[in-house]
Amino acid sequence: MTRALFVWLHRWTRLLMAAFLIIVGLTGSLLAFWGELNHWLTPELFPGPRPGVEFDPAKLARHGR
């Protein structure tokens, strides 16, 4: 009776831990690509290049004086 209980408990504990580790692994791998996924899911938050002249940063620094 006691052995059967421990076998049952061990089996379900392993299954629950495996499910938890799979979920943690999948969500962790999604977080590694958060920037790319965010850009793909919400492109309206990332506008494209704007028209105009692009200045050199050194030229802008000299102009600011």
PDB file of N, CA and C in Angstrom:
ATOM      1  N   MET A   1       0.818  -1.188   0.000  1.00  0.00           N
ATOM      2  CA  MET A   1       0.000   0.000   0.000  1.00  0.00           C
ATOM      3  C   MET A   1       0.869   1.261   0.000  1.00  0.00           C
ATOM      4  N   THR A   2       1.843   1.333   0.875  1.00  0.00           N
ATOM      5  CA  THR A   2       2.697   2.503   0.964  1.00  0.00           C
ATOM      6  C   THR A   2       3.553   2.643  -0.283  1.00  0.00           C
ATOM      7  N   ARG A   3       4.085   1.526  -0.777  1.00  0.00           N
ATOM      8  CA  ARG A   3       4.921   1.580  -1.983  1.00  0.00           C
ATOM      9  C   ARG A   3       4.099   2.057  -3.168  1.00  0.00           C
ATOM     10  N   ALA A   4       2.898   1.574  -3.324  1.00  0.00           N
ATOM     11  CA  ALA A   4       2.037   1.997  -4.437  1.00  0.00           C
ATOM     12  C   ALA A   4       1.733   3.490  -4.343  1.00  0.00           C
ATOM     13  N   LEU A   5       1.534   3.989  -3.150  1.00  0.00           N
ATOM     14  CA  LEU A   5       1.282   5.418  -2.967  1.00  0.00           C
ATOM     15  C   LEU A   5       2.494   6.239  -3.389  1.00  0.00           C
ATOM     16  N   PHE A   6       3.682   5.814  -2.990  1.00  0.00           N
ATOM     17  CA  PHE A   6       4.893   6.550  -3.359  1.00  0.00           C
ATOM     18  C   PHE A   6       5.167   6.474  -4.854  1.00  0.00           C
ATOM     19  N   VAL A   7       4.881   5.353  -5.478  1.00  0.00           N
ATOM     20  CA  VAL A   7       5.049   5.239  -6.928  1.00  0.00           C
ATOM     21  C   VAL A   7       4.093   6.203  -7.634  1.00  0.00           C
ATOM     22  N   TRP A   8       2.851   6.231  -7.206  1.00  0.00           N
ATOM     23  CA  TRP A   8       1.862   7.138  -7.786  1.00  0.00           C
ATOM     24  C   TRP A   8       2.280   8.598  -7.582  1.00  0.00           C
ATOM     25  N   LEU A   9       2.707   8.932  -6.372  1.00  0.00           N
ATOM     26  CA  LEU A   9       3.136  10.297  -6.060  1.00  0.00           C
ATOM     27  C   LEU A   9       4.355  10.693  -6.883  1.00  0.00           C
ATOM     28  N   HIS A  10       5.303   9.795  -7.014  1.00  0.00           N
ATOM     29  CA  HIS A  10       6.518  10.063  -7.779  1.00  0.00           C
ATOM     30  C   HIS A  10       6.180  10.279  -9.251  1.00  0.00           C
ATOM     31  N   ARG A  11       5.313   9.465  -9.798  1.00  0.00           N
ATOM     32  CA  ARG A  11       4.935   9.578 -11.205  1.00  0.00           C
ATOM     33  C   ARG A  11       4.278  10.927 -11.492  1.00  0.00           C
ATOM     34  N   TRP A  12       3.319  11.347 -10.690  1.00  0.00           N
ATOM     35  CA  TRP A  12       2.622  12.603 -10.923  1.00  0.00           C
ATOM     36  C   TRP A  12       3.500  13.813 -10.631  1.00  0.00           C
ATOM     37  N   THR A  13       4.384  13.682  -9.670  1.00  0.00           N
ATOM     38  CA  THR A  13       5.314  14.772  -9.395  1.00  0.00           C
ATOM     39  C   THR A  13       6.241  14.989 -10.586  1.00  0.00           C
ATOM     40  N   ARG A  14       6.738  13.901 -11.170  1.00  0.00           N
ATOM     41  CA  ARG A  14       7.597  14.015 -12.352  1.00  0.00           C
ATOM     42  C   ARG A  14       6.842  14.649 -13.517  1.00  0.00           C
ATOM     43  N   LEU A  15       5.601  14.249 -13.740  1.00  0.00           N
ATOM     44  CA  LEU A  15       4.825  14.808 -14.846  1.00  0.00           C
ATOM     45  C   LEU A  15       4.551  16.296 -14.646  1.00  0.00           C
ATOM     46  N   LEU A  16       4.227  16.696 -13.445  1.00  0.00           N
ATOM     47  CA  LEU A  16       3.988  18.113 -13.172  1.00  0.00           C
ATOM     48  C   LEU A  16       5.265  18.942 -13.326  1.00  0.00           C
ATOM     49  N   MET A  17       6.377  18.406 -12.847  1.00  0.00           N
ATOM     50  CA  MET A  17       7.646  19.127 -12.994  1.00  0.00           C
ATOM     51  C   MET A  17       8.054  19.220 -14.461  1.00  0.00           C
ATOM     52  N   ALA A  18       7.816  18.161 -15.229  1.00  0.00           N
ATOM     53  CA  ALA A  18       8.144  18.192 -16.655  1.00  0.00           C
ATOM     54  C   ALA A  18       7.306  19.245 -17.375  1.00  0.00           C
ATOM     55  N   ALA A  19       6.017  19.311 -17.066  1.00  0.00           N
ATOM     56  CA  ALA A  19       5.159  20.323 -17.683  1.00  0.00           C
ATOM     57  C   ALA A  19       5.627  21.727 -17.317  1.00  0.00           C
ATOM     58  N   PHE A  20       5.972  21.931 -16.066  1.00  0.00           N
ATOM     59  CA  PHE A  20       6.466  23.233 -15.625  1.00  0.00           C
ATOM     60  C   PHE A  20       7.756  23.602 -16.358  1.00  0.00           C
ATOM     61  N   LEU A  21       8.684  22.671 -16.476  1.00  0.00           N
ATOM     62  CA  LEU A  21       9.950  22.967 -17.137  1.00  0.00           C
ATOM     63  C   LEU A  21       9.769  23.222 -18.630  1.00  0.00           C
ATOM     64  N   ILE A  22       8.819  22.556 -19.254  1.00  0.00           N
ATOM     65  CA  ILE A  22       8.544  22.818 -20.669  1.00  0.00           C
ATOM     66  C   ILE A  22       7.997  24.226 -20.841  1.00  0.00           C
ATOM     67  N   ILE A  23       7.079  24.634 -19.979  1.00  0.00           N
ATOM     68  CA  ILE A  23       6.516  25.984 -20.058  1.00  0.00           C
ATOM     69  C   ILE A  23       7.599  27.030 -19.813  1.00  0.00           C
ATOM     70  N   VAL A  24       8.445  26.809 -18.834  1.00  0.00           N
ATOM     71  CA  VAL A  24       9.525  27.756 -18.547  1.00  0.00           C
ATOM     72  C   VAL A  24      10.492  27.840 -19.722  1.00  0.00           C
ATOM     73  N   GLY A  25      10.808  26.711 -20.324  1.00  0.00           N
ATOM     74  CA  GLY A  25      11.711  26.711 -21.473  1.00  0.00           C
ATOM     75  C   GLY A  25      11.128  27.434 -22.675  1.00  0.00           C
ATOM     76  N   LEU A  26       9.858  27.217 -22.955  1.00  0.00           N
ATOM     77  CA  LEU A  26       9.231  27.884 -24.094  1.00  0.00           C
ATOM     78  C   LEU A  26       9.115  29.392 -23.889  1.00  0.00           C
ATOM     79  N   THR A  27       8.692  29.807 -22.718  1.00  0.00           N
ATOM     80  CA  THR A  27       8.575  31.245 -22.481  1.00  0.00           C
ATOM     81  C   THR A  27       9.949  31.911 -22.431  1.00  0.00           C
ATOM     82  N   GLY A  28      10.941  31.207 -21.931  1.00  0.00           N
ATOM     83  CA  GLY A  28      12.291  31.767 -21.926  1.00  0.00           C
ATOM     84  C   GLY A  28      12.843  31.931 -23.326  1.00  0.00           C
ATOM     85  N   SER A  29      12.555  30.974 -24.201  1.00  0.00           N
ATOM     86  CA  SER A  29      13.032  31.105 -25.576  1.00  0.00           C
ATOM     87  C   SER A  29      12.287  32.216 -26.305  1.00  0.00           C
ATOM     88  N   LEU A  30      11.031  32.458 -25.955  1.00  0.00           N
ATOM     89  CA  LEU A  30      10.312  33.589 -26.543  1.00  0.00           C
ATOM     90  C   LEU A  30      10.905  34.917 -26.082  1.00  0.00           C
ATOM     91  N   LEU A  31      11.324  34.983 -24.833  1.00  0.00           N
ATOM     92  CA  LEU A  31      11.914  36.224 -24.324  1.00  0.00           C
ATOM     93  C   LEU A  31      13.238  36.549 -25.004  1.00  0.00           C
ATOM     94  N   ALA A  32      13.948  35.529 -25.477  1.00  0.00           N
ATOM     95  CA  ALA A  32      15.204  35.781 -26.173  1.00  0.00           C
ATOM     96  C   ALA A  32      14.980  36.548 -27.468  1.00  0.00           C
ATOM     97  N   PHE A  33      13.797  36.402 -28.059  1.00  0.00           N
ATOM     98  CA  PHE A  33      13.480  37.081 -29.310  1.00  0.00           C
ATOM     99  C   PHE A  33      12.395  38.139 -29.113  1.00  0.00           C
ATOM    100  N   TRP A  34      12.346  38.763 -27.942  1.00  0.00           N
ATOM    101  CA  TRP A  34      11.296  39.712 -27.621  1.00  0.00           C
ATOM    102  C   TRP A  34      11.266  40.891 -28.592  1.00  0.00           C
ATOM    103  N   GLY A  35      12.408  41.446 -28.927  1.00  0.00           N
ATOM    104  CA  GLY A  35      12.448  42.600 -29.822  1.00  0.00           C
ATOM    105  C   GLY A  35      11.895  42.280 -31.195  1.00  0.00           C
ATOM    106  N   GLU A  36      12.324  41.168 -31.766  1.00  0.00           N
ATOM    107  CA  GLU A  36      11.852  40.775 -33.082  1.00  0.00           C
ATOM    108  C   GLU A  36      10.362  40.450 -33.068  1.00  0.00           C
ATOM    109  N   LEU A  37       9.903  39.752 -32.031  1.00  0.00           N
ATOM    110  CA  LEU A  37       8.485  39.422 -31.935  1.00  0.00           C
ATOM    111  C   LEU A  37       7.638  40.677 -31.748  1.00  0.00           C
ATOM    112  N   ASN A  38       8.112  41.602 -30.935  1.00  0.00           N
ATOM    113  CA  ASN A  38       7.386  42.837 -30.702  1.00  0.00           C
ATOM    114  C   ASN A  38       7.276  43.652 -31.990  1.00  0.00           C
ATOM    115  N   HIS A  39       8.353  43.712 -32.748  1.00  0.00           N
ATOM    116  CA  HIS A  39       8.342  44.432 -34.016  1.00  0.00           C
ATOM    117  C   HIS A  39       7.392  43.765 -35.011  1.00  0.00           C
ATOM    118  N   TRP A  40       7.337  42.453 -35.010  1.00  0.00           N
ATOM    119  CA  TRP A  40       6.474  41.707 -35.928  1.00  0.00           C
ATOM    120  C   TRP A  40       5.004  41.832 -35.537  1.00  0.00           C
ATOM    121  N   LEU A  41       4.713  41.815 -34.225  1.00  0.00           N
ATOM    122  CA  LEU A  41       3.325  41.859 -33.775  1.00  0.00           C
ATOM    123  C   LEU A  41       2.730  43.270 -33.781  1.00  0.00           C
ATOM    124  N   THR A  42       3.568  44.289 -33.565  1.00  0.00           N
ATOM    125  CA  THR A  42       3.073  45.669 -33.506  1.00  0.00           C
ATOM    126  C   THR A  42       3.906  46.574 -34.406  1.00  0.00           C
ATOM    127  N   PRO A  43       3.792  46.426 -35.714  1.00  0.00           N
ATOM    128  CA  PRO A  43       4.613  47.254 -36.612  1.00  0.00           C
ATOM    129  C   PRO A  43       4.244  48.737 -36.568  1.00  0.00           C
ATOM    130  N   GLU A  44       3.024  49.070 -36.117  1.00  0.00           N
ATOM    131  CA  GLU A  44       2.645  50.482 -36.062  1.00  0.00           C
ATOM    132  C   GLU A  44       3.431  51.255 -35.007  1.00  0.00           C
ATOM    133  N   LEU A  45       4.047  50.565 -34.068  1.00  0.00           N
ATOM    134  CA  LEU A  45       4.854  51.238 -33.051  1.00  0.00           C
ATOM    135  C   LEU A  45       6.270  51.536 -33.534  1.00  0.00           C
ATOM    136  N   PHE A  46       6.642  50.988 -34.693  1.00  0.00           N
ATOM    137  CA  PHE A  46       7.989  51.149 -35.225  1.00  0.00           C
ATOM    138  C   PHE A  46       7.898  51.777 -36.615  1.00  0.00           C
ATOM    139  N   PRO A  47       7.818  53.107 -36.682  1.00  0.00           N
ATOM    140  CA  PRO A  47       7.703  53.737 -38.002  1.00  0.00           C
ATOM    141  C   PRO A  47       8.983  53.554 -38.810  1.00  0.00           C
ATOM    142  N   GLY A  48       8.824  53.584 -40.113  1.00  0.00           N
ATOM    143  CA  GLY A  48       9.965  53.420 -41.011  1.00  0.00           C
ATOM    144  C   GLY A  48      10.813  54.672 -41.076  1.00  0.00           C
ATOM    145  N   PRO A  49      11.723  54.710 -42.032  1.00  0.00           N
ATOM    146  CA  PRO A  49      12.579  55.902 -42.169  1.00  0.00           C
ATOM    147  C   PRO A  49      11.749  57.117 -42.566  1.00  0.00           C
ATOM    148  N   ARG A  50      12.151  58.265 -42.053  1.00  0.00           N
ATOM    149  CA  ARG A  50      11.427  59.507 -42.328  1.00  0.00           C
ATOM    150  C   ARG A  50      12.141  60.277 -43.438  1.00  0.00           C
ATOM    151  N   PRO A  51      11.384  61.027 -44.220  1.00  0.00           N
ATOM    152  CA  PRO A  51      12.026  61.815 -45.272  1.00  0.00           C
ATOM    153  C   PRO A  51      12.819  62.972 -44.669  1.00  0.00           C
ATOM    154  N   GLY A  52      13.866  63.338 -45.348  1.00  0.00           N
ATOM    155  CA  GLY A  52      14.677  64.457 -44.890  1.00  0.00           C
ATOM    156  C   GLY A  52      16.149  64.165 -45.079  1.00  0.00           C
ATOM    157  N   VAL A  53      16.957  65.090 -44.614  1.00  0.00           N
ATOM    158  CA  VAL A  53      18.404  64.969 -44.753  1.00  0.00           C
ATOM    159  C   VAL A  53      18.966  64.391 -43.467  1.00  0.00           C
ATOM    160  N   GLU A  54      19.842  63.426 -43.607  1.00  0.00           N
ATOM    161  CA  GLU A  54      20.490  62.837 -42.434  1.00  0.00           C
ATOM    162  C   GLU A  54      21.856  63.496 -42.260  1.00  0.00           C
ATOM    163  N   PHE A  55      22.064  64.076 -41.092  1.00  0.00           N
ATOM    164  CA  PHE A  55      23.313  64.769 -40.823  1.00  0.00           C
ATOM    165  C   PHE A  55      24.304  63.863 -40.126  1.00  0.00           C
ATOM    166  N   ASP A  56      25.554  64.152 -40.338  1.00  0.00           N
ATOM    167  CA  ASP A  56      26.634  63.457 -39.659  1.00  0.00           C
ATOM    168  C   ASP A  56      26.661  63.917 -38.202  1.00  0.00           C
ATOM    169  N   PRO A  57      26.819  63.003 -37.239  1.00  0.00           N
ATOM    170  CA  PRO A  57      26.827  63.428 -35.825  1.00  0.00           C
ATOM    171  C   PRO A  57      27.924  64.445 -35.502  1.00  0.00           C
ATOM    172  N   ALA A  58      29.093  64.331 -36.146  1.00  0.00           N
ATOM    173  CA  ALA A  58      30.169  65.288 -35.882  1.00  0.00           C
ATOM    174  C   ALA A  58      29.770  66.681 -36.369  1.00  0.00           C
ATOM    175  N   LYS A  59      29.106  66.746 -37.509  1.00  0.00           N
ATOM    176  CA  LYS A  59      28.664  68.032 -38.044  1.00  0.00           C
ATOM    177  C   LYS A  59      27.613  68.656 -37.126  1.00  0.00           C
ATOM    178  N   LEU A  60      26.715  67.836 -36.599  1.00  0.00           N
ATOM    179  CA  LEU A  60      25.714  68.352 -35.673  1.00  0.00           C
ATOM    180  C   LEU A  60      26.369  68.863 -34.379  1.00  0.00           C
ATOM    181  N   ALA A  61      27.401  68.173 -33.922  1.00  0.00           N
ATOM    182  CA  ALA A  61      28.091  68.604 -32.690  1.00  0.00           C
ATOM    183  C   ALA A  61      28.785  69.935 -32.910  1.00  0.00           C
ATOM    184  N   ARG A  62      29.419  70.120 -34.101  1.00  0.00           N
ATOM    185  CA  ARG A  62      30.075  71.390 -34.395  1.00  0.00           C
ATOM    186  C   ARG A  62      29.044  72.517 -34.545  1.00  0.00           C
ATOM    187  N   HIS A  63      27.903  72.217 -35.091  1.00  0.00           N
ATOM    188  CA  HIS A  63      26.868  73.212 -35.306  1.00  0.00           C
ATOM    189  C   HIS A  63      26.246  73.679 -33.991  1.00  0.00           C
ATOM    190  N   GLY A  64      26.264  72.846 -33.001  1.00  0.00           N
ATOM    191  CA  GLY A  64      25.646  73.168 -31.711  1.00  0.00           C
ATOM    192  C   GLY A  64      26.408  74.177 -30.896  1.00  0.00           C
ATOM    193  N   ARG A  65      27.668  74.440 -31.227  1.00  0.00           N
ATOM    194  CA  ARG A  65      28.463  75.391 -30.433  1.00  0.00           C
ATOM    195  C   ARG A  65      28.095  76.792 -30.663  1.00  0.00           C
TER     196      ARG A  65
END
